[in-house]
Amino acid sequence: MKLVAGAVLAGAVDAAFAAPQIPATATIPLWPEGMPDAKPGLGPEHVDDGRVSNVSEPTLTVYGPAVDRPNGTAVIICPGGGYVRLSTAREGEQYAAWLGTLGITSFVLKYRMQEFGHPAPLRDVLRAVRLVRSQAARYHIRPRTWTRSARVPTSSC
């Protein structure tokens, strides 16, 4: 099963979202207090040609909306790669850049894969959703209205 795209947090334009102070990119650790089911000794993360493998520390990378059109909408992008690698450049950064031009704040999830097995990727997705919702005010997004991409496995939302 391929986890391709993530959950969308949608909302209406509001005056409170007119001037967000979001850095171009920021990286947030998904489990700063300690990751469940941690496996020591997995070795370093591998980055090659825009693909990441052997992820042992899941993160969310934030891509802010275009300065002139923030609209309070956010999306969590889960790059695919068959649970062997994550195509972060093609299915993460490129999508986030495009969505930014539409005024959407993107969160690209770097999640655990085959080294951890099920349910680690699912836990990472659910944690990402909770984290984005809990920090909605910081990123000037609306956390309440929810939509899900048709490409996301139902079990992940």
Foldseek 3Di string as FASTA:
>chain_A
DKAFWWKKADDFADPLLLAAPDPQKDKAWLCPPDDPQQDPPLDDWDDDPQKIFSDRTKIKMKGFADRRAATQMETEGEATDPLGIGNCVPRNVVVQVVVSPVNYMYIYIDFHGDVRDPPRRLVSRVSVLVVCLVCSSNRNHHNDDIDTDPPGDPSSD
